[in-house]
Amino acid sequence: MADARVDGRKAMELRPMQCDLALLDKPDGSASFSFGDSSVMAAVYGPRDVPLSREKHDRSTVEVAWHSAPDNEQGAALQSHLTEFVVNALASIHDFPRSAIRVVIQELNNDGGMLACAINATCLALMDAGISLTAMFAAASCAVVDGQLILDPTLIEQNKANAVVVTGACKQASKVNAAEFVALHSSGPCAPKQMVTVLEAVESATAAVAAFLRTAKSK
């Protein structure tokens, strides 16, 4: 693959990011997030009452529903599970025992990197709902195509990739240097040495995304 990609980006360049908060009236919080032509809407409902059978005495019960194209139901289930894992890890769910926090993800347009888009939209929607986070978290993806690493792959690049790695990372305010990876999903084979390089690239990318999210939050 040449240094310049089909959309003109360099290998280690993210697509332009866009986001909006408080777009919907009925949810307690909502946000959209886009990497280029890939766009996701996240809506947060809660904390709200939860049926006794699903109640947890020391924390909120987190549910994530992912709405996507009918032919992507298996992928949606996995992405929903991973998003739920991130919310459980970083939202202050112990502040809301015996309640439910429901996150609804709606794919608006899929041009690759949907899981990273969804995690970023969810972060913003949680903050819009007034649910504090233990740390700012952000997500980005990296693909290996013909031995070359490319950040934030499009759908065409994803489909050509030997491996795609998506990470969700957070930066604790008390820690000056590296971010901590909260979630990592890899599809396709990736050698250990190559994975180290992938994670280094994605750590830099998530830092850029987190800075963008902080700016959006402060507006």
C-alpha atoms as a PDB file:
ATOM      1  CA  MET A   1       0.000   0.000   0.000  1.00  0.00           C
ATOM      2  CA  ALA A   2       1.343   3.425  -0.938  1.00  0.00           C
ATOM      3  CA  ASP A   3       1.993   6.023   1.732  1.00  0.00           C
ATOM      4  CA  ALA A   4      -1.022   8.046   0.556  1.00  0.00           C
ATOM      5  CA  ARG A   5      -4.309   6.192   0.928  1.00  0.00           C
ATOM      6  CA  VAL A   6      -7.367   6.349  -1.324  1.00  0.00           C
ATOM      7  CA  ASP A   7      -8.853   9.198   0.737  1.00  0.00           C
ATOM      8  CA  GLY A   8      -5.543  11.082   0.713  1.00  0.00           C
ATOM      9  CA  ARG A   9      -4.532  10.347   4.303  1.00  0.00           C
ATOM     10  CA  LYS A  10      -1.116   9.131   5.397  1.00  0.00           C
ATOM     11  CA  ALA A  11      -0.821   5.736   7.074  1.00  0.00           C
ATOM     12  CA  MET A  12      -0.841   7.123  10.620  1.00  0.00           C
ATOM     13  CA  GLU A  13      -3.504   9.783  10.086  1.00  0.00           C
ATOM     14  CA  LEU A  14      -6.989   9.744  11.598  1.00  0.00           C
ATOM     15  CA  ARG A  15     -10.040  10.836   9.640  1.00  0.00           C
ATOM     16  CA  PRO A  16     -11.601  14.176  10.640  1.00  0.00           C
ATOM     17  CA  MET A  17     -13.648  13.865  13.835  1.00  0.00           C
ATOM     18  CA  GLN A  18     -17.026  15.438  14.531  1.00  0.00           C
ATOM     19  CA  CYS A  19     -19.394  15.191  17.480  1.00  0.00           C
ATOM     20  CA  ASP A  20     -22.551  16.715  18.919  1.00  0.00           C
ATOM     21  CA  LEU A  21     -24.098  16.425  22.380  1.00  0.00           C
ATOM     22  CA  ALA A  22     -27.672  16.624  23.666  1.00  0.00           C
ATOM     23  CA  LEU A  23     -29.255  15.837  20.324  1.00  0.00           C
ATOM     24  CA  LEU A  24     -32.266  13.876  21.640  1.00  0.00           C
ATOM     25  CA  ASP A  25     -34.980  14.880  24.107  1.00  0.00           C
ATOM     26  CA  LYS A  26     -36.157  11.554  25.558  1.00  0.00           C
ATOM     27  CA  PRO A  27     -32.832  10.051  26.701  1.00  0.00           C
ATOM     28  CA  ASP A  28     -31.051  11.412  29.750  1.00  0.00           C
ATOM     29  CA  GLY A  29     -27.978  11.938  27.586  1.00  0.00           C
ATOM     30  CA  SER A  30     -27.106  11.613  23.916  1.00  0.00           C
ATOM     31  CA  ALA A  31     -24.239  12.230  21.537  1.00  0.00           C
ATOM     32  CA  SER A  32     -23.066  11.500  18.033  1.00  0.00           C
ATOM     33  CA  PHE A  33     -19.490  10.819  16.967  1.00  0.00           C
ATOM     34  CA  SER A  34     -17.956  10.501  13.522  1.00  0.00           C
ATOM     35  CA  PHE A  35     -14.652   9.417  12.018  1.00  0.00           C
ATOM     36  CA  GLY A  36     -14.978  10.706   8.460  1.00  0.00           C
ATOM     37  CA  ASP A  37     -18.041   9.082   6.898  1.00  0.00           C
ATOM     38  CA  SER A  38     -18.496   6.636   9.790  1.00  0.00           C
ATOM     39  CA  SER A  39     -21.079   7.955  12.238  1.00  0.00           C
ATOM     40  CA  VAL A  40     -22.796   6.627  15.364  1.00  0.00           C
ATOM     41  CA  MET A  41     -25.447   7.966  17.733  1.00  0.00           C
ATOM     42  CA  ALA A  42     -25.442   6.948  21.403  1.00  0.00           C
ATOM     43  CA  ALA A  43     -28.328   7.502  23.815  1.00  0.00           C
ATOM     44  CA  VAL A  44     -28.137   6.940  27.576  1.00  0.00           C
ATOM     45  CA  TYR A  45     -31.202   6.214  29.698  1.00  0.00           C
ATOM     46  CA  GLY A  46     -30.669   6.314  33.422  1.00  0.00           C
ATOM     47  CA  PRO A  47     -29.896   5.788  36.101  1.00  0.00           C
ATOM     48  CA  ARG A  48     -33.459   4.450  36.245  1.00  0.00           C
ATOM     49  CA  ASP A  49     -35.432   1.822  38.127  1.00  0.00           C
ATOM     50  CA  VAL A  50     -34.520  -1.765  37.354  1.00  0.00           C
ATOM     51  CA  PRO A  51     -36.623  -4.946  37.821  1.00  0.00           C
ATOM     52  CA  LEU A  52     -35.806  -6.756  41.052  1.00  0.00           C
ATOM     53  CA  SER A  53     -34.566  -9.811  39.131  1.00  0.00           C
ATOM     54  CA  ARG A  54     -31.789  -7.732  37.511  1.00  0.00           C
ATOM     55  CA  GLU A  55     -31.036  -5.500  40.480  1.00  0.00           C
ATOM     56  CA  LYS A  56     -27.494  -5.313  41.862  1.00  0.00           C
ATOM     57  CA  HIS A  57     -27.189  -4.115  45.427  1.00  0.00           C
ATOM     58  CA  ASP A  58     -23.829  -2.349  45.000  1.00  0.00           C
ATOM     59  CA  ARG A  59     -23.913  -0.968  41.472  1.00  0.00           C
ATOM     60  CA  SER A  60     -26.007  -0.031  38.499  1.00  0.00           C
ATOM     61  CA  THR A  61     -26.940  -2.692  35.968  1.00  0.00           C
ATOM     62  CA  VAL A  62     -25.516  -1.736  32.561  1.00  0.00           C
ATOM     63  CA  GLU A  63     -27.226  -2.741  29.338  1.00  0.00           C
ATOM     64  CA  VAL A  64     -26.112  -1.903  25.806  1.00  0.00           C
ATOM     65  CA  ALA A  65     -28.316  -2.340  22.738  1.00  0.00           C
ATOM     66  CA  TRP A  66     -26.688  -2.010  19.325  1.00  0.00           C
ATOM     67  CA  HIS A  67     -28.854  -1.271  16.277  1.00  0.00           C
ATOM     68  CA  SER A  68     -27.205  -1.937  12.949  1.00  0.00           C
ATOM     69  CA  ALA A  69     -27.937  -3.337   9.517  1.00  0.00           C
ATOM     70  CA  PRO A  70     -29.785  -6.720   9.567  1.00  0.00           C
ATOM     71  CA  ASP A  71     -26.831  -8.477   7.917  1.00  0.00           C
ATOM     72  CA  ASN A  72     -24.502  -7.427  10.750  1.00  0.00           C
ATOM     73  CA  GLU A  73     -26.343  -8.966  13.707  1.00  0.00           C
ATOM     74  CA  GLN A  74     -23.417 -11.150  14.809  1.00  0.00           C
ATOM     75  CA  GLY A  75     -21.015  -8.205  14.671  1.00  0.00           C
ATOM     76  CA  ALA A  76     -23.515  -6.040  16.517  1.00  0.00           C
ATOM     77  CA  ALA A  77     -23.748  -8.532  19.394  1.00  0.00           C
ATOM     78  CA  LEU A  78     -19.974  -8.564  19.840  1.00  0.00           C
ATOM     79  CA  GLN A  79     -19.665  -4.788  19.607  1.00  0.00           C
ATOM     80  CA  SER A  80     -22.502  -4.377  22.102  1.00  0.00           C
ATOM     81  CA  HIS A  81     -20.720  -6.678  24.557  1.00  0.00           C
ATOM     82  CA  LEU A  82     -17.432  -4.787  24.194  1.00  0.00           C
ATOM     83  CA  THR A  83     -19.113  -1.405  24.659  1.00  0.00           C
ATOM     84  CA  GLU A  84     -20.875  -2.732  27.775  1.00  0.00           C
ATOM     85  CA  PHE A  85     -17.510  -3.891  29.142  1.00  0.00           C
ATOM     86  CA  VAL A  86     -16.043  -0.391  28.702  1.00  0.00           C
ATOM     87  CA  VAL A  87     -19.042   1.279  30.409  1.00  0.00           C
ATOM     88  CA  ASN A  88     -18.815  -1.120  33.355  1.00  0.00           C
ATOM     89  CA  ALA A  89     -15.095  -0.439  33.666  1.00  0.00           C
ATOM     90  CA  LEU A  90     -15.179   3.363  33.553  1.00  0.00           C
ATOM     91  CA  ALA A  91     -18.609   4.751  34.435  1.00  0.00           C
ATOM     92  CA  SER A  92     -19.250   5.437  38.114  1.00  0.00           C
ATOM     93  CA  ILE A  93     -21.797   2.618  38.360  1.00  0.00           C
ATOM     94  CA  HIS A  94     -21.176   2.148  42.091  1.00  0.00           C
ATOM     95  CA  ASP A  95     -22.713   5.586  42.656  1.00  0.00           C
ATOM     96  CA  PHE A  96     -26.083   4.232  41.495  1.00  0.00           C
ATOM     97  CA  PRO A  97     -26.861   0.902  43.207  1.00  0.00           C
ATOM     98  CA  ARG A  98     -30.146  -0.874  42.447  1.00  0.00           C
ATOM     99  CA  SER A  99     -30.628   1.048  39.201  1.00  0.00           C
ATOM    100  CA  ALA A 100     -30.144   0.547  35.466  1.00  0.00           C
ATOM    101  CA  ILE A 101     -28.110   2.446  32.891  1.00  0.00           C
ATOM    102  CA  ARG A 102     -29.151   1.591  29.356  1.00  0.00           C
ATOM    103  CA  VAL A 103     -27.054   2.622  26.369  1.00  0.00           C
ATOM    104  CA  VAL A 104     -28.549   2.452  22.879  1.00  0.00           C
ATOM    105  CA  ILE A 105     -26.163   2.584  19.932  1.00  0.00           C
ATOM    106  CA  GLN A 106     -27.489   3.415  16.469  1.00  0.00           C
ATOM    107  CA  GLU A 107     -25.249   3.078  13.436  1.00  0.00           C
ATOM    108  CA  LEU A 108     -25.875   6.066  11.186  1.00  0.00           C
ATOM    109  CA  ASN A 109     -23.330   5.301   8.482  1.00  0.00           C
ATOM    110  CA  ASN A 110     -20.742   2.520   8.368  1.00  0.00           C
ATOM    111  CA  ASP A 111     -17.458   3.257   6.646  1.00  0.00           C
ATOM    112  CA  GLY A 112     -15.299   1.295   9.072  1.00  0.00           C
ATOM    113  CA  GLY A 113     -14.266   1.803  12.677  1.00  0.00           C
ATOM    114  CA  MET A 114     -17.795   1.540  14.065  1.00  0.00           C
ATOM    115  CA  LEU A 115     -16.789   0.091  17.439  1.00  0.00           C
ATOM    116  CA  ALA A 116     -14.355   2.967  18.063  1.00  0.00           C
ATOM    117  CA  CYS A 117     -17.039   5.455  16.997  1.00  0.00           C
ATOM    118  CA  ALA A 118     -19.548   3.858  19.371  1.00  0.00           C
ATOM    119  CA  ILE A 119     -17.209   3.909  22.372  1.00  0.00           C
ATOM    120  CA  ASN A 120     -16.432   7.585  21.782  1.00  0.00           C
ATOM    121  CA  ALA A 121     -20.112   8.478  21.327  1.00  0.00           C
ATOM    122  CA  THR A 122     -20.955   6.542  24.505  1.00  0.00           C
ATOM    123  CA  CYS A 123     -18.325   8.444  26.492  1.00  0.00           C
ATOM    124  CA  LEU A 124     -19.894  11.743  25.444  1.00  0.00           C
ATOM    125  CA  ALA A 125     -23.470  10.536  26.020  1.00  0.00           C
ATOM    126  CA  LEU A 126     -22.637   9.369  29.555  1.00  0.00           C
ATOM    127  CA  MET A 127     -21.203  12.774  30.376  1.00  0.00           C
ATOM    128  CA  ASP A 128     -24.240  14.441  28.817  1.00  0.00           C
ATOM    129  CA  ALA A 129     -26.420  12.319  31.136  1.00  0.00           C
ATOM    130  CA  GLY A 130     -24.466  13.552  34.158  1.00  0.00           C
ATOM    131  CA  ILE A 131     -22.854  10.168  34.841  1.00  0.00           C
ATOM    132  CA  SER A 132     -19.286  10.744  35.915  1.00  0.00           C
ATOM    133  CA  LEU A 133     -16.392   8.704  34.555  1.00  0.00           C
ATOM    134  CA  THR A 134     -13.428   7.426  36.513  1.00  0.00           C
ATOM    135  CA  ALA A 135     -11.290   8.707  33.630  1.00  0.00           C
ATOM    136  CA  MET A 136     -11.715  10.103  30.140  1.00  0.00           C
ATOM    137  CA  PHE A 137     -11.707   7.212  27.718  1.00  0.00           C
ATOM    138  CA  ALA A 138     -11.361   7.135  23.956  1.00  0.00           C
ATOM    139  CA  ALA A 139     -11.102   4.546  21.217  1.00  0.00           C
ATOM    140  CA  ALA A 140      -9.368   4.123  17.889  1.00  0.00           C
ATOM    141  CA  SER A 141      -8.608   1.314  15.475  1.00  0.00           C
ATOM    142  CA  CYS A 142      -5.563   0.183  13.533  1.00  0.00           C
ATOM    143  CA  ALA A 143      -5.346  -2.260  10.629  1.00  0.00           C
ATOM    144  CA  VAL A 144      -2.512  -4.305   9.169  1.00  0.00           C
ATOM    145  CA  VAL A 145      -2.782  -4.315   5.371  1.00  0.00           C
ATOM    146  CA  ASP A 146      -0.065  -6.113   3.402  1.00  0.00           C
ATOM    147  CA  GLY A 147       2.276  -5.746   6.359  1.00  0.00           C
ATOM    148  CA  GLN A 148       1.701  -1.989   6.739  1.00  0.00           C
ATOM    149  CA  LEU A 149      -0.012  -0.364   9.711  1.00  0.00           C
ATOM    150  CA  ILE A 150      -2.789   2.119   9.002  1.00  0.00           C
ATOM    151  CA  LEU A 151      -4.773   4.033  11.593  1.00  0.00           C
ATOM    152  CA  ASP A 152      -8.540   4.427  11.491  1.00  0.00           C
ATOM    153  CA  PRO A 153      -9.211   2.169   8.469  1.00  0.00           C
ATOM    154  CA  THR A 154     -12.185   2.739   6.206  1.00  0.00           C
ATOM    155  CA  LEU A 155     -14.566  -0.131   5.512  1.00  0.00           C
ATOM    156  CA  ILE A 156     -12.730  -0.994   2.269  1.00  0.00           C
ATOM    157  CA  GLU A 157      -9.409  -1.010   4.129  1.00  0.00           C
ATOM    158  CA  GLN A 158     -10.903  -3.103   6.936  1.00  0.00           C
ATOM    159  CA  ASN A 159     -12.103  -5.680   4.442  1.00  0.00           C
ATOM    160  CA  LYS A 160      -8.617  -5.899   2.899  1.00  0.00           C
ATOM    161  CA  ALA A 161      -6.815  -6.065   6.233  1.00  0.00           C
ATOM    162  CA  ASN A 162      -4.969  -9.085   7.582  1.00  0.00           C
ATOM    163  CA  ALA A 163      -5.791  -7.887  11.099  1.00  0.00           C
ATOM    164  CA  VAL A 164      -7.782  -5.085  12.716  1.00  0.00           C
ATOM    165  CA  VAL A 165      -7.192  -3.993  16.313  1.00  0.00           C
ATOM    166  CA  VAL A 166      -9.603  -1.727  18.228  1.00  0.00           C
ATOM    167  CA  THR A 167      -8.610  -0.356  21.615  1.00  0.00           C
ATOM    168  CA  GLY A 168     -10.360   1.678  24.250  1.00  0.00           C
ATOM    169  CA  ALA A 169      -7.945   3.547  26.483  1.00  0.00           C
ATOM    170  CA  CYS A 170      -8.240   5.917  29.412  1.00  0.00           C
ATOM    171  CA  LYS A 171      -5.968   8.509  30.921  1.00  0.00           C
ATOM    172  CA  GLN A 172      -6.067   8.878  34.687  1.00  0.00           C
ATOM    173  CA  ALA A 173      -5.552  12.463  35.786  1.00  0.00           C
ATOM    174  CA  SER A 174      -2.922  11.321  38.295  1.00  0.00           C
ATOM    175  CA  LYS A 175      -0.832   9.602  35.629  1.00  0.00           C
ATOM    176  CA  VAL A 176       1.308  11.883  33.499  1.00  0.00           C
ATOM    177  CA  ASN A 177       2.598   9.487  30.883  1.00  0.00           C
ATOM    178  CA  ALA A 178       0.958   6.463  29.277  1.00  0.00           C
ATOM    179  CA  ALA A 179      -2.715   5.766  28.937  1.00  0.00           C
ATOM    180  CA  GLU A 180      -4.173   2.489  30.187  1.00  0.00           C
ATOM    181  CA  PHE A 181      -5.859   0.139  27.743  1.00  0.00           C
ATOM    182  CA  VAL A 182      -9.286  -0.774  29.083  1.00  0.00           C
ATOM    183  CA  ALA A 183     -10.462  -2.918  26.177  1.00  0.00           C
ATOM    184  CA  LEU A 184      -8.791  -4.503  23.184  1.00  0.00           C
ATOM    185  CA  HIS A 185     -10.375  -6.439  20.361  1.00  0.00           C
ATOM    186  CA  SER A 186      -8.344  -8.016  17.587  1.00  0.00           C
ATOM    187  CA  SER A 187      -9.634  -9.775  14.497  1.00  0.00           C
ATOM    188  CA  GLY A 188      -7.173 -11.633  12.311  1.00  0.00           C
ATOM    189  CA  PRO A 189      -3.627 -12.832  13.068  1.00  0.00           C
ATOM    190  CA  CYS A 190      -1.123 -10.357  14.452  1.00  0.00           C
ATOM    191  CA  ALA A 191       2.370 -11.416  15.509  1.00  0.00           C
ATOM    192  CA  PRO A 192       3.478 -10.394  19.022  1.00  0.00           C
ATOM    193  CA  LYS A 193       6.162  -7.953  17.780  1.00  0.00           C
ATOM    194  CA  GLN A 194       3.718  -6.439  15.328  1.00  0.00           C
ATOM    195  CA  MET A 195       1.099  -6.112  18.064  1.00  0.00           C
ATOM    196  CA  VAL A 196       3.516  -4.013  20.127  1.00  0.00           C
ATOM    197  CA  THR A 197       3.879  -1.617  17.186  1.00  0.00           C
ATOM    198  CA  VAL A 198       0.108  -1.561  16.682  1.00  0.00           C
ATOM    199  CA  LEU A 199      -0.492  -0.678  20.332  1.00  0.00           C
ATOM    200  CA  GLU A 200       2.081   2.114  20.213  1.00  0.00           C
ATOM    201  CA  ALA A 201       0.338   3.597  17.170  1.00  0.00           C
ATOM    202  CA  VAL A 202      -3.112   3.257  18.682  1.00  0.00           C
ATOM    203  CA  GLU A 203      -2.010   4.775  22.007  1.00  0.00           C
ATOM    204  CA  SER A 204      -1.023   7.938  20.168  1.00  0.00           C
ATOM    205  CA  ALA A 205      -4.325   7.895  18.261  1.00  0.00           C
ATOM    206  CA  THR A 206      -6.465   7.489  21.383  1.00  0.00           C
ATOM    207  CA  ALA A 207      -4.632  10.417  22.984  1.00  0.00           C
ATOM    208  CA  ALA A 208      -5.645  12.580  20.008  1.00  0.00           C
ATOM    209  CA  VAL A 209      -9.252  11.364  20.253  1.00  0.00           C
ATOM    210  CA  ALA A 210      -9.348  11.993  24.017  1.00  0.00           C
ATOM    211  CA  ALA A 211      -8.118  15.557  23.487  1.00  0.00           C
ATOM    212  CA  PHE A 212     -10.912  16.082  20.946  1.00  0.00           C
ATOM    213  CA  LEU A 213     -13.515  14.684  23.376  1.00  0.00           C
ATOM    214  CA  ARG A 214     -12.288  16.943  26.191  1.00  0.00           C
ATOM    215  CA  THR A 215     -12.680  19.951  23.907  1.00  0.00           C
ATOM    216  CA  ALA A 216     -16.184  18.868  22.977  1.00  0.00           C
ATOM    217  CA  LYS A 217     -17.109  18.367  26.635  1.00  0.00           C
ATOM    218  CA  SER A 218     -15.954  21.861  27.582  1.00  0.00           C
ATOM    219  CA  LYS A 219     -18.031  23.639  24.906  1.00  0.00           C
END
